[in-house]
Protein backbone atom coordinates (compact mmCIF):
# COMPACT_ATOMS: atom_id res chain seq x y z
CA UNK A 1 -97.95 103.13 -49.35
CA UNK A 2 -93.65 102.69 -47.58
CA UNK A 3 -92.31 102.21 -51.60
CA UNK A 4 -91.98 105.73 -52.32
CA UNK A 5 -91.17 107.12 -48.58
CA UNK A 6 -87.83 108.85 -48.97
CA UNK A 7 -87.35 109.77 -45.29
CA UNK A 8 -86.75 113.73 -45.90
CA UNK A 9 -87.56 114.79 -42.81
CA UNK A 10 -85.02 112.63 -41.18
CA UNK A 11 -82.68 113.18 -44.18
CA UNK A 12 -82.76 116.74 -42.70
CA UNK A 13 -83.38 116.32 -39.14
CA UNK A 14 -79.76 114.70 -39.37
CA UNK A 15 -78.06 117.11 -41.33
CA UNK A 16 -79.11 120.30 -38.80
CA UNK A 17 -77.93 117.80 -35.54
CA UNK A 18 -74.80 117.29 -37.59
CA UNK A 19 -74.70 121.14 -37.92
CA UNK A 20 -75.39 122.05 -35.05
CA UNK A 21 -72.25 119.76 -33.39
CA UNK A 22 -70.20 121.26 -35.67
CA UNK A 23 -71.02 125.15 -34.33
CA UNK A 24 -73.47 126.72 -37.13
CA UNK A 25 -75.80 128.91 -36.34
CA UNK A 26 -79.27 127.04 -35.52
CA UNK A 27 -81.13 130.38 -36.81
CA UNK A 28 -79.31 130.22 -39.57
CA UNK A 29 -79.93 126.17 -40.32
CA UNK A 30 -83.78 126.86 -39.78
CA UNK A 31 -83.88 129.25 -42.60
CA UNK A 32 -81.80 127.63 -45.36
CA UNK A 33 -84.66 124.21 -44.10
CA UNK A 34 -87.97 126.14 -44.35
CA UNK A 35 -86.33 127.47 -47.81
CA UNK A 36 -85.03 124.77 -49.61
CA UNK A 37 -88.83 123.00 -48.18
CA UNK A 38 -90.87 125.25 -49.93
CA UNK A 39 -88.90 125.06 -53.38
CA UNK A 40 -89.58 121.38 -53.31
CA UNK A 41 -93.41 121.93 -52.45
CA UNK A 42 -93.11 124.37 -54.86
CA UNK A 43 -92.10 122.70 -57.61
CA UNK A 44 -93.99 118.92 -56.46
CA UNK A 45 -97.07 119.79 -55.26
CA UNK A 46 -99.57 118.03 -57.24
CA UNK A 47 -103.12 119.87 -56.85
CA UNK A 48 -104.66 116.65 -57.97
CA UNK A 49 -103.08 114.29 -54.59
CA UNK A 50 -103.76 117.73 -52.98
CA UNK A 51 -107.34 117.36 -52.85
CA UNK A 52 -107.21 114.05 -52.35
CA UNK A 53 -105.72 114.10 -49.50
CA UNK A 54 -108.12 116.97 -48.14
CA UNK A 55 -111.39 114.88 -49.25
CA UNK A 56 -110.34 112.48 -47.05
CA UNK A 57 -109.74 113.75 -43.81
CA UNK A 58 -112.98 114.83 -44.00
CA UNK A 59 -112.32 118.21 -41.57
CA UNK A 60 -109.19 120.97 -42.09
CA UNK A 61 -106.39 118.71 -41.06
CA UNK A 62 -103.86 120.24 -38.88
CA UNK A 63 -101.01 120.57 -40.57
CA UNK A 64 -103.19 122.96 -42.33
CA UNK A 65 -104.63 125.35 -39.64
CA UNK A 66 -100.45 125.77 -38.42
CA UNK A 67 -99.32 126.72 -41.82
CA UNK A 68 -102.31 129.18 -42.22
CA UNK A 69 -101.87 130.39 -38.22
CA UNK A 70 -97.99 131.42 -39.83
CA UNK A 71 -97.47 134.57 -41.76
CA UNK A 72 -93.93 132.20 -43.32
CA UNK A 73 -96.59 129.81 -44.78
CA UNK A 74 -99.25 131.42 -45.85
CA UNK A 75 -97.08 133.34 -48.27
CA UNK A 76 -96.77 129.21 -49.66
CA UNK A 77 -100.32 128.94 -49.75
CA UNK A 78 -100.63 131.89 -51.32
CA UNK A 79 -97.90 130.97 -53.77
CA UNK A 80 -99.74 127.43 -54.42
CA UNK A 81 -103.15 129.40 -54.53
CA UNK A 82 -101.57 131.31 -57.82
CA UNK A 83 -100.00 128.48 -59.31
CA UNK A 84 -102.99 125.51 -58.79
CA UNK A 85 -106.67 128.38 -58.86
CA UNK A 86 -108.53 125.46 -59.91
CA UNK A 87 -107.49 123.04 -55.75
CA UNK A 88 -109.77 122.46 -54.04
CA UNK A 89 -107.31 122.33 -50.89
CA UNK A 90 -105.92 126.30 -52.25
CA UNK A 91 -109.16 127.60 -52.22
CA UNK A 92 -109.98 126.36 -48.93
CA UNK A 93 -106.65 127.71 -47.76
CA UNK A 94 -107.23 130.94 -48.76
CA UNK A 95 -111.28 131.46 -48.10
CA UNK A 96 -110.32 130.36 -44.36
CA UNK A 97 -106.99 132.94 -44.24
CA UNK A 98 -109.91 135.12 -46.15
CA UNK A 99 -112.39 134.82 -43.16
CA UNK A 100 -109.99 134.92 -40.19
CA UNK A 101 -109.14 138.92 -41.52
CA UNK A 102 -105.35 137.06 -41.86
CA UNK A 103 -104.81 138.33 -45.85
CA UNK A 104 -103.75 141.47 -44.76
CA UNK A 105 -99.94 139.66 -44.04
CA UNK A 106 -100.16 138.77 -47.82
CA UNK A 107 -97.58 141.26 -48.76
CA UNK A 108 -95.32 140.82 -46.61
CA UNK A 109 -93.55 142.94 -43.67
CA UNK A 110 -91.87 145.16 -46.59
CA UNK A 111 -94.91 146.90 -47.60
CA UNK A 112 -96.17 146.93 -43.92
CA UNK A 113 -92.55 149.22 -43.35
CA UNK A 114 -93.59 150.63 -45.99
């Protein structure tokens, strides 16, 4: 398990700390890190691995509940669901989002403003 570990989260935290020490805008930096994280997830997402983790959990993982609760991360779930429509994890997440009535956010803030 540890052979493939890269420590990305720790490296990202360290870079954020360095930027904060240099006086960079914390909110802007957070947006940039989240954007990068989303891009990496979209690039590297494996439906087979995701389904395996989901099935082994036996219940809804805490991290998935947190993702479904945040509009920004729900958008990522929508994208992954479109990219991987047969993924059990994404099917489950979309069903949960629909059941909770959260799919109204799918269009994003631009549609709400219209």
